C-alpha cells in the first residue's frame, strides 16, 4: 500500500493564477450587473471571490517548508476570529433598526462573503508575517 503524503496545502503553485482568474471573472460579472442593470449583488460576487482566495491561500509557495506552513496556520488562527467579529459588527450595524416589515427580512452577510473577508485577512496577515520574519 502506498503511503500518502500529508500536505495541508493541497493545491500546486499555479493555482494562485487560477484563483486570480476566478476573482477577475467574478468581479467582471459583478461590475457588468452593476453598470448594465444597476443591480448590486454582493452574494453573486462573493462565491467567485471566495473560491479564488481559497485557491490563492491554500496553494503551495515556491519554497514551501515548515516555516511557511506555520505562518499560514498562524494567519488563519488570527483571521478567523477577527473576521467573525467584523461580520458580527456589520450584521449588527445593518440590523440595528430592527426587523423590516416592508422587506420581511434581516440583512446578513453570506457565508461566501464571510469566507472572502476571512481569506483576505489571512492572506494579508500571512504576507505581513512572511516579510516581517
N, C-alpha and C. Protein backbone atom coordinates (compact mmCIF):
# COMPACT_ATOMS: atom_id res chain seq x y z
N UNK A 1 0.84 -1.18 0.00
CA UNK A 1 0.00 0.00 0.00
C UNK A 1 0.89 1.25 0.00
N UNK A 2 0.55 2.20 -0.83
CA UNK A 2 1.33 3.42 -0.92
C UNK A 2 1.07 4.32 0.28
N UNK A 3 2.12 4.94 0.74
CA UNK A 3 1.98 5.89 1.82
C UNK A 3 1.64 7.26 1.22
N UNK A 4 0.55 7.84 1.69
CA UNK A 4 0.12 9.13 1.17
C UNK A 4 0.81 10.25 1.94
N UNK A 5 1.27 11.22 1.19
CA UNK A 5 1.89 12.39 1.83
C UNK A 5 0.80 13.27 2.41
N UNK A 6 1.00 13.69 3.62
CA UNK A 6 0.01 14.57 4.22
C UNK A 6 0.46 16.00 4.03
N UNK A 7 -0.22 16.67 3.13
CA UNK A 7 0.11 18.07 2.84
C UNK A 7 -1.13 18.92 3.09
N UNK A 8 -1.05 19.85 4.03
CA UNK A 8 -2.22 20.68 4.30
C UNK A 8 -2.55 21.65 3.18
N UNK A 9 -1.58 21.98 2.35
CA UNK A 9 -1.80 22.90 1.24
C UNK A 9 -1.74 22.08 -0.03
N UNK A 10 -2.92 21.67 -0.47
CA UNK A 10 -3.02 20.63 -1.48
C UNK A 10 -2.91 21.13 -2.91
N UNK A 11 -3.08 22.41 -3.12
CA UNK A 11 -3.07 22.92 -4.49
C UNK A 11 -1.64 23.25 -4.91
N UNK A 12 -1.31 22.97 -6.17
CA UNK A 12 0.03 23.34 -6.65
C UNK A 12 0.18 24.85 -6.77
N UNK A 13 1.39 25.28 -7.00
CA UNK A 13 1.69 26.71 -7.04
C UNK A 13 0.89 27.45 -8.11
N UNK A 14 0.67 26.85 -9.26
CA UNK A 14 -0.01 27.55 -10.36
C UNK A 14 -1.48 27.81 -10.07
N UNK A 15 -2.05 27.22 -9.02
CA UNK A 15 -3.43 27.51 -8.66
C UNK A 15 -3.60 28.96 -8.20
N UNK A 16 -2.52 29.61 -7.84
CA UNK A 16 -2.60 31.04 -7.49
C UNK A 16 -3.11 31.84 -8.68
N UNK A 17 -2.62 31.50 -9.86
CA UNK A 17 -3.03 32.20 -11.07
C UNK A 17 -4.47 31.85 -11.43
N UNK A 18 -4.85 30.59 -11.22
CA UNK A 18 -6.25 30.20 -11.44
C UNK A 18 -7.16 30.97 -10.49
N UNK A 19 -6.75 31.12 -9.25
CA UNK A 19 -7.52 31.89 -8.28
C UNK A 19 -7.68 33.33 -8.69
N UNK A 20 -6.63 33.91 -9.21
CA UNK A 20 -6.69 35.30 -9.69
C UNK A 20 -7.65 35.43 -10.87
N UNK A 21 -7.64 34.46 -11.76
CA UNK A 21 -8.57 34.48 -12.91
C UNK A 21 -10.00 34.35 -12.43
N UNK A 22 -10.26 33.47 -11.47
CA UNK A 22 -11.62 33.30 -10.94
C UNK A 22 -12.10 34.60 -10.28
N UNK A 23 -11.23 35.25 -9.54
CA UNK A 23 -11.59 36.54 -8.91
C UNK A 23 -11.91 37.59 -9.97
N UNK A 24 -11.09 37.67 -11.00
CA UNK A 24 -11.32 38.66 -12.06
C UNK A 24 -12.62 38.40 -12.81
N UNK A 25 -12.94 37.13 -13.06
CA UNK A 25 -14.20 36.80 -13.73
C UNK A 25 -15.37 37.19 -12.83
N UNK A 26 -15.29 36.88 -11.54
CA UNK A 26 -16.35 37.25 -10.61
C UNK A 26 -16.55 38.75 -10.51
N UNK A 27 -15.47 39.48 -10.47
CA UNK A 27 -15.58 40.94 -10.39
C UNK A 27 -16.11 41.52 -11.70
N UNK A 28 -15.75 40.90 -12.84
CA UNK A 28 -16.29 41.35 -14.12
C UNK A 28 -17.80 41.16 -14.18
N UNK A 29 -18.27 40.01 -13.72
CA UNK A 29 -19.71 39.75 -13.69
C UNK A 29 -20.39 40.74 -12.75
N UNK A 30 -19.79 40.99 -11.58
CA UNK A 30 -20.37 41.95 -10.64
C UNK A 30 -20.47 43.35 -11.25
N UNK A 31 -19.39 43.80 -11.86
CA UNK A 31 -19.39 45.15 -12.45
C UNK A 31 -20.32 45.25 -13.65
N UNK A 32 -20.45 44.17 -14.42
CA UNK A 32 -21.39 44.17 -15.54
C UNK A 32 -22.81 44.31 -15.04
N UNK A 33 -23.17 43.55 -14.00
CA UNK A 33 -24.51 43.67 -13.43
C UNK A 33 -24.74 45.05 -12.84
N UNK A 34 -23.69 45.61 -12.24
CA UNK A 34 -23.83 46.92 -11.63
C UNK A 34 -24.08 48.02 -12.66
N UNK A 35 -23.26 48.05 -13.71
CA UNK A 35 -23.35 49.15 -14.67
C UNK A 35 -24.42 48.93 -15.74
N UNK A 36 -24.67 47.67 -16.11
CA UNK A 36 -25.65 47.43 -17.16
C UNK A 36 -27.08 47.38 -16.62
N UNK A 37 -27.26 46.71 -15.48
CA UNK A 37 -28.60 46.53 -14.94
C UNK A 37 -28.85 47.29 -13.64
N UNK A 38 -27.82 47.95 -13.11
CA UNK A 38 -27.89 48.69 -11.85
C UNK A 38 -28.32 47.78 -10.69
N UNK A 39 -27.75 46.58 -10.66
CA UNK A 39 -28.02 45.61 -9.60
C UNK A 39 -26.74 45.44 -8.79
N UNK A 40 -26.84 45.67 -7.49
CA UNK A 40 -25.71 45.44 -6.59
C UNK A 40 -25.93 44.08 -5.94
N UNK A 41 -25.23 43.08 -6.45
CA UNK A 41 -25.42 41.71 -5.99
C UNK A 41 -24.10 41.20 -5.39
N UNK A 42 -23.91 41.47 -4.10
CA UNK A 42 -22.68 41.04 -3.45
C UNK A 42 -22.62 39.53 -3.26
N UNK A 43 -23.77 38.89 -3.15
CA UNK A 43 -23.78 37.44 -2.98
C UNK A 43 -23.24 36.73 -4.21
N UNK A 44 -23.57 37.24 -5.39
CA UNK A 44 -23.07 36.63 -6.62
C UNK A 44 -21.57 36.84 -6.77
N UNK A 45 -21.05 37.95 -6.29
CA UNK A 45 -19.62 38.21 -6.36
C UNK A 45 -18.87 37.48 -5.25
N UNK A 46 -19.56 37.16 -4.16
CA UNK A 46 -18.91 36.52 -3.02
C UNK A 46 -18.38 35.14 -3.32
N UNK A 47 -19.12 34.35 -4.10
CA UNK A 47 -18.69 32.99 -4.39
C UNK A 47 -17.40 32.93 -5.20
N UNK A 48 -17.31 33.60 -6.37
CA UNK A 48 -16.04 33.51 -7.10
C UNK A 48 -14.86 34.14 -6.37
N UNK A 49 -15.11 35.21 -5.64
CA UNK A 49 -14.01 35.84 -4.89
C UNK A 49 -13.54 34.90 -3.78
N UNK A 50 -14.46 34.27 -3.08
CA UNK A 50 -14.08 33.33 -2.02
C UNK A 50 -13.33 32.13 -2.59
N UNK A 51 -13.79 31.59 -3.71
CA UNK A 51 -13.11 30.45 -4.33
C UNK A 51 -11.71 30.84 -4.81
N UNK A 52 -11.59 32.01 -5.42
CA UNK A 52 -10.29 32.46 -5.88
C UNK A 52 -9.32 32.68 -4.74
N UNK A 53 -9.80 33.29 -3.66
CA UNK A 53 -8.94 33.49 -2.49
C UNK A 53 -8.57 32.16 -1.84
N UNK A 54 -9.48 31.19 -1.88
CA UNK A 54 -9.17 29.87 -1.34
C UNK A 54 -8.06 29.22 -2.16
N UNK A 55 -8.14 29.32 -3.49
CA UNK A 55 -7.08 28.77 -4.33
C UNK A 55 -5.75 29.46 -4.04
N UNK A 56 -5.78 30.76 -3.86
CA UNK A 56 -4.54 31.50 -3.61
C UNK A 56 -3.95 31.13 -2.26
N UNK A 57 -4.78 31.11 -1.21
CA UNK A 57 -4.25 30.87 0.12
C UNK A 57 -3.77 29.43 0.31
N UNK A 58 -4.53 28.46 -0.18
CA UNK A 58 -4.19 27.06 0.07
C UNK A 58 -3.28 26.44 -0.98
N UNK A 59 -2.75 27.24 -1.90
CA UNK A 59 -1.77 26.72 -2.84
C UNK A 59 -0.39 26.78 -2.20
N UNK A 60 0.48 25.94 -2.70
CA UNK A 60 1.84 25.89 -2.15
C UNK A 60 2.64 27.10 -2.59
N UNK A 61 3.61 27.45 -1.79
CA UNK A 61 4.53 28.52 -2.13
C UNK A 61 5.65 27.94 -3.00
N UNK A 62 6.43 28.82 -3.65
CA UNK A 62 7.56 28.33 -4.43
C UNK A 62 8.54 27.57 -3.55
N UNK A 63 8.86 28.17 -2.42
CA UNK A 63 9.70 27.50 -1.43
C UNK A 63 8.81 27.17 -0.24
N UNK A 64 8.39 25.93 -0.17
CA UNK A 64 7.45 25.51 0.87
C UNK A 64 8.21 24.71 1.92
N UNK A 65 8.19 25.19 3.16
CA UNK A 65 8.83 24.48 4.25
C UNK A 65 7.94 24.57 5.49
N UNK A 66 8.45 24.11 6.61
CA UNK A 66 7.67 24.10 7.84
C UNK A 66 7.35 25.52 8.31
N UNK A 67 8.24 26.45 8.08
CA UNK A 67 8.00 27.83 8.49
C UNK A 67 6.81 28.43 7.74
N UNK A 68 6.73 28.18 6.45
CA UNK A 68 5.61 28.70 5.64
C UNK A 68 4.30 28.08 6.13
N UNK A 69 4.30 26.78 6.38
CA UNK A 69 3.09 26.13 6.89
C UNK A 69 2.68 26.71 8.23
N UNK A 70 3.66 26.93 9.10
CA UNK A 70 3.36 27.53 10.41
C UNK A 70 2.79 28.93 10.27
N UNK A 71 3.36 29.74 9.39
CA UNK A 71 2.86 31.11 9.19
C UNK A 71 1.46 31.12 8.60
N UNK A 72 1.17 30.18 7.70
CA UNK A 72 -0.18 30.11 7.14
C UNK A 72 -1.20 29.72 8.20
N UNK A 73 -0.87 28.74 9.02
CA UNK A 73 -1.81 28.35 10.08
C UNK A 73 -1.95 29.45 11.13
N UNK A 74 -0.87 30.16 11.42
CA UNK A 74 -0.94 31.26 12.37
C UNK A 74 -1.82 32.38 11.82
N UNK A 75 -1.70 32.66 10.53
CA UNK A 75 -2.53 33.70 9.94
C UNK A 75 -4.00 33.29 9.92
N UNK A 76 -4.29 32.01 9.72
CA UNK A 76 -5.67 31.55 9.80
C UNK A 76 -6.21 31.67 11.22
N UNK A 77 -5.37 31.37 12.20
CA UNK A 77 -5.79 31.46 13.60
C UNK A 77 -6.14 32.90 13.99
N UNK A 78 -5.52 33.87 13.35
CA UNK A 78 -5.84 35.27 13.62
C UNK A 78 -7.04 35.72 12.79
N UNK A 79 -7.09 35.30 11.53
CA UNK A 79 -8.11 35.79 10.60
C UNK A 79 -9.52 35.30 10.94
N UNK A 80 -9.65 34.07 11.43
CA UNK A 80 -10.99 33.53 11.68
C UNK A 80 -11.73 34.33 12.76
N UNK A 81 -11.17 34.53 13.97
CA UNK A 81 -11.93 35.31 14.95
C UNK A 81 -12.08 36.79 14.59
N UNK A 82 -11.06 37.37 13.98
CA UNK A 82 -11.16 38.79 13.61
C UNK A 82 -12.25 38.99 12.56
N UNK A 83 -12.30 38.13 11.57
CA UNK A 83 -13.34 38.27 10.55
C UNK A 83 -14.72 37.95 11.11
N UNK A 84 -14.81 37.04 12.08
CA UNK A 84 -16.11 36.78 12.71
C UNK A 84 -16.60 38.02 13.44
N UNK A 85 -15.71 38.71 14.11
CA UNK A 85 -16.09 39.95 14.81
C UNK A 85 -16.51 41.02 13.79
N UNK A 86 -15.77 41.13 12.69
CA UNK A 86 -16.12 42.11 11.65
C UNK A 86 -17.51 41.81 11.09
N UNK A 87 -17.79 40.55 10.80
CA UNK A 87 -19.08 40.18 10.24
C UNK A 87 -20.20 40.44 11.25
N UNK A 88 -19.95 40.13 12.52
CA UNK A 88 -20.97 40.40 13.54
C UNK A 88 -21.25 41.90 13.65
N UNK A 89 -20.21 42.70 13.59
CA UNK A 89 -20.40 44.15 13.65
C UNK A 89 -21.15 44.68 12.43
N UNK A 90 -20.84 44.16 11.26
CA UNK A 90 -21.56 44.57 10.05
C UNK A 90 -23.03 44.18 10.14
N UNK A 91 -23.29 42.94 10.53
CA UNK A 91 -24.67 42.48 10.66
C UNK A 91 -25.42 43.29 11.71
N UNK A 92 -24.78 43.59 12.83
CA UNK A 92 -25.43 44.37 13.88
C UNK A 92 -25.73 45.78 13.39
N UNK A 93 -24.76 46.40 12.72
CA UNK A 93 -24.97 47.78 12.28
C UNK A 93 -26.07 47.86 11.21
N UNK A 94 -26.17 46.85 10.36
CA UNK A 94 -27.20 46.86 9.32
C UNK A 94 -28.59 46.56 9.90
N UNK A 95 -28.64 45.80 10.99
CA UNK A 95 -29.92 45.40 11.58
C UNK A 95 -30.24 46.17 12.85
N UNK A 96 -29.50 47.23 13.13
CA UNK A 96 -29.69 47.98 14.37
C UNK A 96 -31.10 48.54 14.48
N UNK A 97 -31.67 48.95 13.37
CA UNK A 97 -33.02 49.49 13.38
C UNK A 97 -34.08 48.45 13.63
N UNK A 98 -33.73 47.20 13.54
CA UNK A 98 -34.67 46.13 13.79
C UNK A 98 -35.18 45.48 12.53
N UNK A 99 -36.13 44.62 12.71
CA UNK A 99 -36.73 43.87 11.62
C UNK A 99 -37.53 44.79 10.72
N UNK A 100 -37.38 44.63 9.43
CA UNK A 100 -38.10 45.47 8.47
C UNK A 100 -39.32 44.73 7.95
N UNK A 101 -40.48 45.24 8.26
CA UNK A 101 -41.72 44.61 7.82
C UNK A 101 -41.93 44.78 6.32
N UNK A 102 -41.38 45.87 5.75
CA UNK A 102 -41.55 46.11 4.32
C UNK A 102 -40.81 45.06 3.49
N UNK A 103 -39.59 44.77 3.87
CA UNK A 103 -38.81 43.80 3.11
C UNK A 103 -38.94 42.39 3.66
N UNK A 104 -39.50 42.26 4.86
CA UNK A 104 -39.70 40.97 5.52
C UNK A 104 -38.37 40.21 5.64
N UNK A 105 -37.32 40.94 5.99
CA UNK A 105 -36.03 40.26 6.10
C UNK A 105 -35.06 41.04 6.96
N UNK A 106 -34.05 40.32 7.39
CA UNK A 106 -32.89 40.89 8.05
C UNK A 106 -31.77 40.91 7.03
N UNK A 107 -30.84 41.82 7.23
CA UNK A 107 -29.65 41.81 6.39
C UNK A 107 -28.64 40.90 7.06
N UNK A 108 -28.02 40.02 6.29
CA UNK A 108 -27.00 39.15 6.84
C UNK A 108 -25.95 38.88 5.77
N UNK A 109 -24.71 38.88 6.18
CA UNK A 109 -23.62 38.57 5.26
C UNK A 109 -23.64 37.08 4.99
N UNK A 110 -23.47 36.71 3.72
CA UNK A 110 -23.50 35.30 3.35
C UNK A 110 -22.20 34.61 3.79
N UNK A 111 -22.24 33.29 3.74
CA UNK A 111 -21.06 32.51 4.11
C UNK A 111 -19.90 32.78 3.16
N UNK A 112 -20.20 32.99 1.89
CA UNK A 112 -19.13 33.26 0.92
C UNK A 112 -18.50 34.63 1.17
N UNK A 113 -19.31 35.59 1.56
CA UNK A 113 -18.76 36.90 1.89
C UNK A 113 -17.88 36.81 3.14
N UNK A 114 -18.33 36.03 4.13
CA UNK A 114 -17.50 35.81 5.32
C UNK A 114 -16.19 35.14 4.94
N UNK A 115 -16.28 34.12 4.09
CA UNK A 115 -15.08 33.41 3.67
C UNK A 115 -14.12 34.33 2.92
N UNK A 116 -14.67 35.22 2.09
CA UNK A 116 -13.83 36.16 1.36
C UNK A 116 -13.14 37.14 2.31
N UNK A 117 -13.88 37.62 3.31
CA UNK A 117 -13.28 38.53 4.30
C UNK A 117 -12.19 37.80 5.07
N UNK A 118 -12.48 36.59 5.51
CA UNK A 118 -11.53 35.82 6.32
C UNK A 118 -10.27 35.49 5.53
N UNK A 119 -10.43 35.03 4.29
CA UNK A 119 -9.25 34.68 3.49
C UNK A 119 -8.45 35.91 3.09
N UNK A 120 -9.12 37.04 2.87
CA UNK A 120 -8.38 38.29 2.59
C UNK A 120 -7.52 38.68 3.78
N UNK A 121 -8.10 38.59 4.97
CA UNK A 121 -7.32 38.88 6.18
C UNK A 121 -6.18 37.89 6.36
N UNK A 122 -6.45 36.61 6.10
CA UNK A 122 -5.42 35.57 6.27
C UNK A 122 -4.28 35.78 5.29
N UNK A 123 -4.60 36.09 4.04
CA UNK A 123 -3.54 36.32 3.05
C UNK A 123 -2.73 37.55 3.41
N UNK A 124 -3.40 38.61 3.82
CA UNK A 124 -2.68 39.83 4.22
C UNK A 124 -1.80 39.60 5.43
N UNK A 125 -2.32 38.90 6.43
CA UNK A 125 -1.54 38.64 7.65
C UNK A 125 -0.37 37.70 7.35
N UNK A 126 -0.59 36.71 6.47
CA UNK A 126 0.48 35.80 6.09
C UNK A 126 1.61 36.56 5.39
N UNK A 127 1.25 37.45 4.46
CA UNK A 127 2.28 38.22 3.76
C UNK A 127 3.04 39.12 4.73
N UNK A 128 2.33 39.70 5.69
CA UNK A 128 2.99 40.54 6.70
C UNK A 128 3.96 39.70 7.53
N UNK A 129 3.52 38.54 7.99
CA UNK A 129 4.39 37.68 8.80
C UNK A 129 5.59 37.19 7.99
N UNK A 130 5.37 36.90 6.72
CA UNK A 130 6.47 36.41 5.88
C UNK A 130 7.52 37.49 5.67
N UNK A 131 7.07 38.73 5.48
CA UNK A 131 8.02 39.84 5.29
C UNK A 131 8.70 40.18 6.60
N UNK A 132 7.92 40.18 7.68
CA UNK A 132 8.45 40.54 9.00
C UNK A 132 9.54 39.57 9.46
N UNK A 133 9.29 38.28 9.23
CA UNK A 133 10.21 37.26 9.75
C UNK A 133 11.24 36.91 8.76
